[in-house]
Amino acid sequence: MGQSKKQNNTAKVAVNTGGSAGIGQSSAIELAKRGVGVILTYNKHKGGAEETVGTIESMGGKAVALSLDAEQSETFSLFKEAVIQELRNKWGQDTFSYLVNNAGFGQMAKLEDTTVELFDKLMRVILKAPYFITQKLLPILEDGGAIVKITSNSALTTGLTEGYSAYASMKGGLAILTRYMAKEFSKRGVRVNSVAPGSTRTCIADDVFAKYPELIAPLAAQNSFGTNRES
């Protein structure tokens, strides 16, 4: 895996993809509450990313937002260089401690209605992007660091729901990828885990919950508390 990237007396910094809304925004803020600096990304929702940065800074933390289109793997090398630049400018170091692969989108369709274009887009964003973003950033991730990948309960037997065949297949692949990364990166003491959230009220699928509020109650009834809370 190359030379050790562990450094003493460096600040803990996390790279959190998709930090402009929903689970990604919440995870970025929670990291900051624990004293971790955050480099978060956004694609189209720049305002949301700026809101996340503002919230973190209002708590006395440090954060910066970078543009990243998870579909465009050819831009990941430039993204790595941008991360290095921000680490040097804002934290005075060349490495970071944690990676959260969260960026994604949801667009559901039954198998017979799923187009090749939708399938390929889901693959590029949900599976290919975490694979190659992690690959690009690995040389600047500290030994002993950690990686978390956001999967989905739709990839579990308990979460089977019509219309999720393509989306869940990519999330299931992400769970398998997590195991292989954990095996390979263990030589450097890097922990790799995945988290499979259940239905979460975010702006996923083009803000589906705002457009179809009737979906909320049945989904909320499925969790142990039967509650309806936003992320």
Protein backbone atom coordinates (compact mmCIF):
# COMPACT_ATOMS: atom_id res chain seq x y z
CA MET A 1 0.00 0.00 0.00
CA GLY A 2 3.02 2.30 -0.14
CA GLN A 3 4.61 4.33 2.60
CA SER A 4 2.82 5.10 5.83
CA LYS A 5 0.52 8.08 5.73
CA LYS A 6 0.14 8.30 9.49
CA GLN A 7 1.17 11.69 10.85
CA ASN A 8 1.34 12.89 14.43
CA ASN A 9 -0.31 16.08 15.64
CA THR A 10 -2.50 16.47 12.55
CA ALA A 11 -6.08 17.64 12.73
CA LYS A 12 -8.82 15.11 12.11
CA VAL A 13 -10.47 15.92 8.79
CA ALA A 14 -13.23 14.05 6.96
CA VAL A 15 -14.08 14.08 3.27
CA ASN A 16 -17.87 13.75 3.10
CA THR A 17 -19.35 13.38 -0.40
CA GLY A 18 -22.85 14.71 -0.93
CA GLY A 19 -22.95 17.07 2.04
CA SER A 20 -25.48 19.59 0.75
CA ALA A 21 -28.66 17.91 2.01
CA GLY A 22 -30.20 14.92 3.75
CA ILE A 23 -28.03 12.24 5.31
CA GLY A 24 -24.82 13.77 3.93
CA GLN A 25 -25.57 17.17 5.43
CA SER A 26 -26.46 15.62 8.78
CA SER A 27 -23.33 13.44 8.86
CA ALA A 28 -21.11 16.43 8.03
CA ILE A 29 -22.59 18.43 10.90
CA GLU A 30 -22.31 15.50 13.32
CA LEU A 31 -18.65 15.05 12.39
CA ALA A 32 -18.05 18.73 13.10
CA LYS A 33 -19.75 18.40 16.51
CA ARG A 34 -17.08 15.82 17.33
CA GLY A 35 -14.29 18.23 16.48
CA VAL A 36 -13.61 16.92 12.98
CA GLY A 37 -12.91 19.30 10.10
CA VAL A 38 -15.06 18.62 7.04
CA ILE A 39 -14.47 18.80 3.31
CA LEU A 40 -17.93 18.24 1.87
CA THR A 41 -19.08 18.05 -1.73
CA TYR A 42 -22.08 19.15 -3.73
CA ASN A 43 -23.18 18.80 -7.33
CA LYS A 44 -26.12 21.07 -8.18
CA HIS A 45 -27.13 22.16 -4.67
CA LYS A 46 -24.44 24.76 -3.92
CA GLY A 47 -26.76 26.67 -1.62
CA GLY A 48 -27.26 23.61 0.56
CA ALA A 49 -23.51 23.05 0.75
CA GLU A 50 -22.96 26.66 1.80
CA GLU A 51 -25.65 26.19 4.44
CA THR A 52 -23.82 23.14 5.79
CA VAL A 53 -20.52 25.04 5.91
CA GLY A 54 -22.23 27.96 7.63
CA THR A 55 -23.76 25.70 10.27
CA ILE A 56 -20.41 24.08 11.00
CA GLU A 57 -18.61 27.41 11.20
CA SER A 58 -21.29 28.79 13.52
CA MET A 59 -20.37 25.98 15.92
CA GLY A 60 -16.72 26.98 15.76
CA GLY A 61 -15.72 24.23 13.35
CA LYS A 62 -13.90 24.28 10.04
CA ALA A 63 -15.45 23.22 6.75
CA VAL A 64 -15.18 23.79 3.03
CA ALA A 65 -17.43 22.77 0.13
CA LEU A 66 -16.09 21.47 -3.19
CA SER A 67 -18.00 20.83 -6.39
CA LEU A 68 -18.09 17.17 -7.47
CA ASP A 69 -20.17 15.41 -10.10
CA ALA A 70 -20.12 11.75 -9.08
CA GLU A 71 -21.08 10.70 -12.61
CA GLN A 72 -17.89 12.13 -14.10
CA SER A 73 -15.13 9.75 -13.04
CA GLU A 74 -12.67 11.55 -15.32
CA THR A 75 -12.80 14.51 -12.89
CA PHE A 76 -11.79 12.54 -9.79
CA SER A 77 -8.08 13.27 -10.21
CA LEU A 78 -8.85 17.00 -10.20
CA PHE A 79 -11.04 16.48 -7.15
CA LYS A 80 -8.12 14.83 -5.33
CA GLU A 81 -5.93 17.83 -6.13
CA ALA A 82 -8.63 20.17 -4.82
CA VAL A 83 -8.82 18.16 -1.59
CA ILE A 84 -5.03 18.37 -1.17
CA GLN A 85 -5.13 22.12 -1.74
CA GLU A 86 -7.85 22.65 0.87
CA LEU A 87 -6.05 20.43 3.39
CA ARG A 88 -2.93 22.57 3.00
CA ASN A 89 -4.73 25.92 2.98
CA LYS A 90 -7.21 25.36 5.79
CA TRP A 91 -5.53 22.76 8.00
CA GLY A 92 -1.83 22.97 7.07
CA GLN A 93 -1.47 19.26 6.31
CA ASP A 94 -1.45 16.82 3.41
CA THR A 95 -3.61 13.98 4.76
CA PHE A 96 -7.13 13.40 6.06
CA SER A 97 -8.57 10.87 8.50
CA TYR A 98 -12.07 9.83 7.39
CA LEU A 99 -13.97 9.29 4.15
CA VAL A 100 -17.76 9.15 3.96
CA ASN A 101 -19.06 7.90 0.59
CA ASN A 102 -22.57 9.28 0.68
CA ALA A 103 -23.24 11.05 -2.64
CA GLY A 104 -26.08 9.44 -4.56
CA PHE A 105 -29.56 9.81 -5.94
CA GLY A 106 -32.74 7.77 -6.07
CA GLN A 107 -34.99 7.12 -9.04
CA MET A 108 -37.17 4.08 -8.76
CA ALA A 109 -38.74 2.00 -11.51
CA LYS A 110 -40.03 -1.53 -11.80
CA LEU A 111 -37.67 -3.88 -13.59
CA GLU A 112 -39.71 -3.90 -16.82
CA ASP A 113 -39.69 -0.09 -16.86
CA THR A 114 -35.99 0.45 -16.04
CA THR A 115 -34.11 1.96 -18.97
CA VAL A 116 -30.47 1.28 -19.80
CA GLU A 117 -29.82 4.99 -19.23
CA LEU A 118 -31.24 4.90 -15.70
CA PHE A 119 -29.41 1.67 -14.87
CA ASP A 120 -26.10 3.10 -16.07
CA LYS A 121 -26.58 6.37 -14.18
CA LEU A 122 -27.30 4.52 -10.95
CA MET A 123 -24.21 2.40 -11.51
CA ARG A 124 -21.97 5.40 -12.16
CA VAL A 125 -23.14 7.39 -9.13
CA ILE A 126 -23.82 4.72 -6.50
CA LEU A 127 -21.17 2.08 -7.23
CA LYS A 128 -18.50 3.35 -9.63
CA ALA A 129 -18.01 6.71 -7.91
CA PRO A 130 -17.32 5.35 -4.40
CA TYR A 131 -14.94 2.79 -5.93
CA PHE A 132 -12.80 5.26 -7.82
CA ILE A 133 -13.09 8.23 -5.46
CA THR A 134 -11.77 5.96 -2.71
CA GLN A 135 -9.02 4.76 -5.05
CA LYS A 136 -7.96 8.33 -5.82
CA LEU A 137 -8.01 9.54 -2.22
CA LEU A 138 -6.42 6.45 -0.65
CA PRO A 139 -2.82 7.76 -0.93
CA ILE A 140 -3.69 10.79 1.22
CA LEU A 141 -5.83 8.90 3.77
CA GLU A 142 -4.01 8.44 7.09
CA ASP A 143 -3.05 4.98 8.28
CA GLY A 144 -5.50 4.07 11.03
CA GLY A 145 -8.24 6.12 9.39
CA ALA A 146 -11.77 5.05 8.54
CA ILE A 147 -14.11 4.83 5.57
CA VAL A 148 -17.91 4.65 5.78
CA LYS A 149 -20.12 3.85 2.82
CA ILE A 150 -23.83 4.65 2.89
CA THR A 151 -25.74 1.71 1.46
CA SER A 152 -29.47 1.06 1.90
CA ASN A 153 -31.87 -1.34 3.56
CA SER A 154 -33.30 -1.88 0.05
CA ALA A 155 -30.29 -4.17 -0.50
CA LEU A 156 -31.27 -6.32 2.49
CA THR A 157 -33.89 -9.07 2.51
CA THR A 158 -35.86 -7.05 5.06
CA GLY A 159 -36.09 -4.06 2.70
CA LEU A 160 -37.32 -5.67 -0.51
CA THR A 161 -39.70 -3.27 -2.24
CA GLU A 162 -40.97 -3.17 -5.81
CA GLY A 163 -39.28 -0.58 -7.98
CA TYR A 164 -35.87 -0.76 -6.32
CA SER A 165 -34.23 -3.54 -8.37
CA ALA A 166 -31.58 -1.37 -10.07
CA TYR A 167 -30.98 1.00 -7.13
CA ALA A 168 -30.73 -1.85 -4.62
CA SER A 169 -28.42 -3.85 -6.89
CA MET A 170 -25.94 -0.97 -6.85
CA LYS A 171 -26.25 -0.54 -3.09
CA GLY A 172 -25.76 -4.28 -2.65
CA GLY A 173 -22.62 -4.05 -4.77
CA LEU A 174 -21.44 -1.22 -2.53
CA ALA A 175 -21.84 -3.47 0.52
CA ILE A 176 -19.71 -6.16 -1.15
CA LEU A 177 -17.13 -3.54 -2.12
CA THR A 178 -16.97 -2.50 1.54
CA ARG A 179 -15.90 -6.01 2.55
CA TYR A 180 -13.12 -6.14 -0.03
CA MET A 181 -11.84 -2.70 0.90
CA ALA A 182 -11.85 -3.70 4.59
CA LYS A 183 -9.74 -6.73 3.71
CA GLU A 184 -7.25 -4.87 1.52
CA PHE A 185 -6.92 -1.72 3.63
CA SER A 186 -6.53 -3.59 6.94
CA LYS A 187 -2.78 -3.68 6.27
CA ARG A 188 -2.79 0.04 7.01
CA GLY A 189 -5.19 -0.18 9.94
CA VAL A 190 -7.95 1.52 7.93
CA ARG A 191 -11.44 0.49 9.02
CA VAL A 192 -14.09 0.21 6.30
CA ASN A 193 -17.77 -0.17 7.16
CA SER A 194 -21.12 0.36 5.50
CA VAL A 195 -24.32 1.72 6.99
CA ALA A 196 -27.69 0.70 5.53
CA PRO A 197 -30.28 3.33 6.55
CA GLY A 198 -33.96 2.61 6.32
CA SER A 199 -36.40 5.02 4.70
CA THR A 200 -35.23 8.52 5.55
CA ARG A 201 -37.16 11.71 4.89
CA THR A 202 -34.80 13.67 2.65
CA CYS A 203 -35.04 15.37 -0.75
CA ILE A 204 -34.11 12.13 -2.54
CA ALA A 205 -35.74 11.25 -5.89
CA ASP A 206 -36.37 14.87 -6.86
CA ASP A 207 -37.89 15.70 -3.46
CA VAL A 208 -40.37 12.84 -3.63
CA PHE A 209 -41.64 13.28 -0.05
CA ALA A 210 -42.61 16.92 -0.66
CA LYS A 211 -44.41 15.96 -3.88
CA TYR A 212 -46.11 12.88 -2.48
CA PRO A 213 -46.61 13.36 1.29
CA GLU A 214 -48.97 10.40 1.34
CA LEU A 215 -45.86 8.16 1.12
CA ILE A 216 -44.57 9.30 4.50
CA ALA A 217 -47.01 7.70 6.92
CA PRO A 218 -46.78 4.12 5.56
CA LEU A 219 -42.98 4.29 5.57
CA ALA A 220 -42.86 5.76 9.06
CA ALA A 221 -45.11 2.97 10.30
CA GLN A 222 -42.49 0.42 9.27
CA ASN A 223 -39.86 1.55 11.77
CA SER A 224 -39.73 0.39 15.37
CA PHE A 225 -40.96 3.70 16.81
CA GLY A 226 -43.55 4.44 14.14
CA THR A 227 -42.28 8.00 14.02
CA ASN A 228 -41.92 10.55 11.22
CA ARG A 229 -38.76 12.62 11.54
CA GLU A 230 -36.69 14.48 9.00
CA SER A 231 -32.96 13.62 8.77
